[in-house]
Amino acid sequence: MNKLKFSIILIAVVCTVNFGFSQVGINTTSPLSTLDINGNLSVKTITLVGSGSPTLISDGVYISVNPQVTNQEFKLPNPVTFPGRIYVIRNINNTVTAKLTTVGSSLLFPKNSTTGSTEIYMYEGVLRTVIVISDGLNWTYIN
């Protein structure tokens, strides 16, 4: 019986220690971060074509938006639901402006600003590509 108790305690300790120091390395034998990649990284890319109603952005990391009419709306998900989520969004239409909004009452904040807005416009020369990052309450964008 004592051996069984000792074995159970030993297994519990080993599992606790391993979970507390978990690091995964890809192409490296000594990872320095929770996920350490020594090599290239590919992310899911998609193209969204605008429609008559707002087009929800819900998948992918690199997203090409292709509005069919001026100020066609593309909607980010609620940042509360996806804290830490990052999207790279590019308007691939050379002549039509895309409007980027978000679900819920959240705002879009330009980097280094405390003033947010409910929408931003993406067009040739200005905000053609934006990176948006959820902080769990709002989106911050970098162009």
C-alpha atoms as a PDB file:
ATOM      1  CA  MET A   1       0.000   0.000   0.000  1.00  0.00           C
ATOM      2  CA  ASN A   2       2.861   2.387   0.811  1.00  0.00           C
ATOM      3  CA  LYS A   3       4.418   1.782  -2.611  1.00  0.00           C
ATOM      4  CA  LEU A   4       1.106   2.663  -4.281  1.00  0.00           C
ATOM      5  CA  LYS A   5       0.818   5.919  -2.293  1.00  0.00           C
ATOM      6  CA  PHE A   6       4.425   6.784  -3.084  1.00  0.00           C
ATOM      7  CA  SER A   7       3.878   6.081  -6.803  1.00  0.00           C
ATOM      8  CA  ILE A   8       0.757   8.258  -6.929  1.00  0.00           C
ATOM      9  CA  ILE A   9       2.518  11.131  -5.157  1.00  0.00           C
ATOM     10  CA  LEU A  10       5.552  10.806  -7.447  1.00  0.00           C
ATOM     11  CA  ILE A  11       3.354  10.876 -10.575  1.00  0.00           C
ATOM     12  CA  ALA A  12       1.485  13.933  -9.250  1.00  0.00           C
ATOM     13  CA  VAL A  13       4.735  15.788  -8.564  1.00  0.00           C
ATOM     14  CA  VAL A  14       6.200  14.936 -11.981  1.00  0.00           C
ATOM     15  CA  CYS A  15       3.005  16.071 -13.755  1.00  0.00           C
ATOM     16  CA  THR A  16       2.901  19.324 -11.773  1.00  0.00           C
ATOM     17  CA  VAL A  17       6.532  20.141 -12.520  1.00  0.00           C
ATOM     18  CA  ASN A  18       6.163  19.360 -16.248  1.00  0.00           C
ATOM     19  CA  PHE A  19       3.035  21.494 -16.636  1.00  0.00           C
ATOM     20  CA  GLY A  20       4.634  24.409 -14.787  1.00  0.00           C
ATOM     21  CA  PHE A  21       7.610  24.585 -17.141  1.00  0.00           C
ATOM     22  CA  SER A  22       6.090  23.610 -20.494  1.00  0.00           C
ATOM     23  CA  GLN A  23       7.849  25.045 -23.517  1.00  0.00           C
ATOM     24  CA  VAL A  24       7.503  23.851 -27.077  1.00  0.00           C
ATOM     25  CA  GLY A  25      10.290  24.216 -29.580  1.00  0.00           C
ATOM     26  CA  ILE A  26       9.964  23.732 -33.321  1.00  0.00           C
ATOM     27  CA  ASN A  27      13.316  23.111 -34.970  1.00  0.00           C
ATOM     28  CA  THR A  28      15.089  23.919 -31.707  1.00  0.00           C
ATOM     29  CA  THR A  29      16.226  21.663 -28.864  1.00  0.00           C
ATOM     30  CA  SER A  30      16.123  24.347 -26.177  1.00  0.00           C
ATOM     31  CA  PRO A  31      13.051  26.601 -26.527  1.00  0.00           C
ATOM     32  CA  LEU A  32      13.326  29.965 -24.777  1.00  0.00           C
ATOM     33  CA  SER A  33       9.597  30.838 -24.911  1.00  0.00           C
ATOM     34  CA  THR A  34       6.303  29.015 -24.504  1.00  0.00           C
ATOM     35  CA  LEU A  35       6.401  28.558 -28.281  1.00  0.00           C
ATOM     36  CA  ASP A  36       9.814  28.964 -29.898  1.00  0.00           C
ATOM     37  CA  ILE A  37       9.976  28.602 -33.674  1.00  0.00           C
ATOM     38  CA  ASN A  38      13.338  28.416 -35.388  1.00  0.00           C
ATOM     39  CA  GLY A  39      12.284  28.805 -39.000  1.00  0.00           C
ATOM     40  CA  ASN A  40       9.467  30.254 -41.071  1.00  0.00           C
ATOM     41  CA  LEU A  41       5.882  30.640 -39.976  1.00  0.00           C
ATOM     42  CA  SER A  42       2.890  30.500 -42.299  1.00  0.00           C
ATOM     43  CA  VAL A  43      -0.539  31.741 -41.281  1.00  0.00           C
ATOM     44  CA  LYS A  44      -3.957  31.202 -42.801  1.00  0.00           C
ATOM     45  CA  THR A  45      -4.785  33.676 -45.554  1.00  0.00           C
ATOM     46  CA  ILE A  46      -8.255  34.339 -46.937  1.00  0.00           C
ATOM     47  CA  THR A  47      -9.952  36.773 -49.304  1.00  0.00           C
ATOM     48  CA  LEU A  48     -13.318  38.270 -48.411  1.00  0.00           C
ATOM     49  CA  VAL A  49     -15.438  39.777 -51.174  1.00  0.00           C
ATOM     50  CA  GLY A  50     -17.874  42.423 -49.991  1.00  0.00           C
ATOM     51  CA  SER A  51     -21.614  41.835 -50.122  1.00  0.00           C
ATOM     52  CA  GLY A  52     -24.818  43.781 -49.536  1.00  0.00           C
ATOM     53  CA  SER A  53     -24.600  43.323 -45.750  1.00  0.00           C
ATOM     54  CA  PRO A  54     -21.532  43.755 -43.517  1.00  0.00           C
ATOM     55  CA  THR A  55     -19.030  40.945 -44.104  1.00  0.00           C
ATOM     56  CA  LEU A  56     -17.929  39.395 -40.801  1.00  0.00           C
ATOM     57  CA  ILE A  57     -14.226  38.692 -40.356  1.00  0.00           C
ATOM     58  CA  SER A  58     -14.137  35.440 -38.411  1.00  0.00           C
ATOM     59  CA  ASP A  59     -11.332  33.330 -39.836  1.00  0.00           C
ATOM     60  CA  GLY A  60      -7.754  33.661 -41.017  1.00  0.00           C
ATOM     61  CA  VAL A  61      -4.870  35.847 -39.956  1.00  0.00           C
ATOM     62  CA  TYR A  62      -3.915  37.621 -43.200  1.00  0.00           C
ATOM     63  CA  ILE A  63      -7.144  38.859 -44.729  1.00  0.00           C
ATOM     64  CA  SER A  64      -7.514  40.468 -48.128  1.00  0.00           C
ATOM     65  CA  VAL A  65     -10.750  42.442 -48.354  1.00  0.00           C
ATOM     66  CA  ASN A  66     -12.183  43.226 -51.771  1.00  0.00           C
ATOM     67  CA  PRO A  67     -15.016  45.767 -51.545  1.00  0.00           C
ATOM     68  CA  GLN A  68     -17.357  45.876 -54.534  1.00  0.00           C
ATOM     69  CA  VAL A  69     -18.811  49.330 -53.789  1.00  0.00           C
ATOM     70  CA  THR A  70     -17.426  52.367 -51.975  1.00  0.00           C
ATOM     71  CA  ASN A  71     -17.403  52.130 -48.168  1.00  0.00           C
ATOM     72  CA  GLN A  72     -18.434  48.485 -48.167  1.00  0.00           C
ATOM     73  CA  GLU A  73     -18.345  47.253 -44.568  1.00  0.00           C
ATOM     74  CA  PHE A  74     -16.105  44.524 -43.166  1.00  0.00           C
ATOM     75  CA  LYS A  75     -16.749  43.787 -39.485  1.00  0.00           C
ATOM     76  CA  LEU A  76     -14.231  42.567 -36.910  1.00  0.00           C
ATOM     77  CA  PRO A  77     -15.508  40.164 -34.235  1.00  0.00           C
ATOM     78  CA  ASN A  78     -16.145  41.332 -30.701  1.00  0.00           C
ATOM     79  CA  PRO A  79     -12.713  41.863 -29.065  1.00  0.00           C
ATOM     80  CA  VAL A  80     -14.111  40.726 -25.704  1.00  0.00           C
ATOM     81  CA  THR A  81     -14.669  37.266 -27.181  1.00  0.00           C
ATOM     82  CA  PHE A  82     -11.168  37.096 -28.712  1.00  0.00           C
ATOM     83  CA  PRO A  83      -8.590  38.817 -26.461  1.00  0.00           C
ATOM     84  CA  GLY A  84      -5.129  38.778 -27.983  1.00  0.00           C
ATOM     85  CA  ARG A  85      -6.370  38.000 -31.503  1.00  0.00           C
ATOM     86  CA  ILE A  86      -4.371  39.616 -34.308  1.00  0.00           C
ATOM     87  CA  TYR A  87      -5.429  40.205 -37.923  1.00  0.00           C
ATOM     88  CA  VAL A  88      -3.518  41.707 -40.830  1.00  0.00           C
ATOM     89  CA  ILE A  89      -6.111  43.242 -43.167  1.00  0.00           C
ATOM     90  CA  ARG A  90      -5.428  44.649 -46.634  1.00  0.00           C
ATOM     91  CA  ASN A  91      -7.811  46.314 -49.060  1.00  0.00           C
ATOM     92  CA  ILE A  92      -6.825  44.710 -52.374  1.00  0.00           C
ATOM     93  CA  ASN A  93      -9.178  46.841 -54.465  1.00  0.00           C
ATOM     94  CA  ASN A  94      -7.269  49.734 -56.067  1.00  0.00           C
ATOM     95  CA  THR A  95     -10.285  51.971 -56.639  1.00  0.00           C
ATOM     96  CA  VAL A  96     -12.868  51.279 -53.892  1.00  0.00           C
ATOM     97  CA  THR A  97     -12.730  52.148 -50.190  1.00  0.00           C
ATOM     98  CA  ALA A  98     -13.402  49.490 -47.543  1.00  0.00           C
ATOM     99  CA  LYS A  99     -14.943  50.400 -44.193  1.00  0.00           C
ATOM    100  CA  LEU A 100     -13.710  48.443 -41.159  1.00  0.00           C
ATOM    101  CA  THR A 101     -15.994  48.250 -38.100  1.00  0.00           C
ATOM    102  CA  THR A 102     -16.369  45.973 -35.084  1.00  0.00           C
ATOM    103  CA  VAL A 103     -19.128  43.986 -33.406  1.00  0.00           C
ATOM    104  CA  GLY A 104     -20.477  45.277 -30.102  1.00  0.00           C
ATOM    105  CA  SER A 105     -19.779  48.633 -28.507  1.00  0.00           C
ATOM    106  CA  SER A 106     -16.011  48.374 -28.851  1.00  0.00           C
ATOM    107  CA  LEU A 107     -13.860  50.931 -30.614  1.00  0.00           C
ATOM    108  CA  LEU A 108     -10.881  51.000 -32.963  1.00  0.00           C
ATOM    109  CA  PHE A 109      -7.910  52.901 -31.544  1.00  0.00           C
ATOM    110  CA  PRO A 110      -4.924  54.056 -33.587  1.00  0.00           C
ATOM    111  CA  LYS A 111      -1.605  53.173 -31.943  1.00  0.00           C
ATOM    112  CA  ASN A 112      -0.456  55.653 -29.303  1.00  0.00           C
ATOM    113  CA  SER A 113      -3.921  57.256 -29.080  1.00  0.00           C
ATOM    114  CA  THR A 114      -6.626  57.387 -26.439  1.00  0.00           C
ATOM    115  CA  THR A 115      -9.274  58.445 -28.956  1.00  0.00           C
ATOM    116  CA  GLY A 116     -11.123  55.597 -30.603  1.00  0.00           C
ATOM    117  CA  SER A 117     -13.658  55.479 -33.411  1.00  0.00           C
ATOM    118  CA  THR A 118     -16.404  53.091 -34.484  1.00  0.00           C
ATOM    119  CA  GLU A 119     -15.012  52.750 -38.019  1.00  0.00           C
ATOM    120  CA  ILE A 120     -11.921  53.285 -40.128  1.00  0.00           C
ATOM    121  CA  TYR A 121     -11.648  53.571 -43.902  1.00  0.00           C
ATOM    122  CA  MET A 122      -9.084  51.651 -45.900  1.00  0.00           C
ATOM    123  CA  TYR A 123      -8.105  52.973 -49.324  1.00  0.00           C
ATOM    124  CA  GLU A 124      -5.200  53.584 -51.663  1.00  0.00           C
ATOM    125  CA  GLY A 125      -2.382  55.473 -49.992  1.00  0.00           C
ATOM    126  CA  VAL A 126      -3.929  55.737 -46.505  1.00  0.00           C
ATOM    127  CA  LEU A 127      -4.612  52.721 -44.287  1.00  0.00           C
ATOM    128  CA  ARG A 128      -4.352  50.347 -47.236  1.00  0.00           C
ATOM    129  CA  THR A 129      -3.084  47.697 -44.824  1.00  0.00           C
ATOM    130  CA  VAL A 130      -3.789  47.617 -41.078  1.00  0.00           C
ATOM    131  CA  ILE A 131      -2.813  45.274 -38.282  1.00  0.00           C
ATOM    132  CA  VAL A 132      -5.526  45.051 -35.612  1.00  0.00           C
ATOM    133  CA  ILE A 133      -4.957  43.621 -32.144  1.00  0.00           C
ATOM    134  CA  SER A 134      -7.633  42.870 -29.545  1.00  0.00           C
ATOM    135  CA  ASP A 135      -6.871  43.947 -25.994  1.00  0.00           C
ATOM    136  CA  GLY A 136      -9.984  42.173 -24.712  1.00  0.00           C
ATOM    137  CA  LEU A 137     -12.110  45.336 -24.776  1.00  0.00           C
ATOM    138  CA  ASN A 138     -11.267  47.189 -28.002  1.00  0.00           C
ATOM    139  CA  TRP A 139      -9.107  46.898 -31.113  1.00  0.00           C
ATOM    140  CA  THR A 140      -5.837  48.754 -31.608  1.00  0.00           C
ATOM    141  CA  TYR A 141      -4.737  49.292 -35.184  1.00  0.00           C
ATOM    142  CA  ILE A 142      -1.342  49.956 -36.703  1.00  0.00           C
ATOM    143  CA  ASN A 143      -0.804  51.000 -40.303  1.00  0.00           C
END
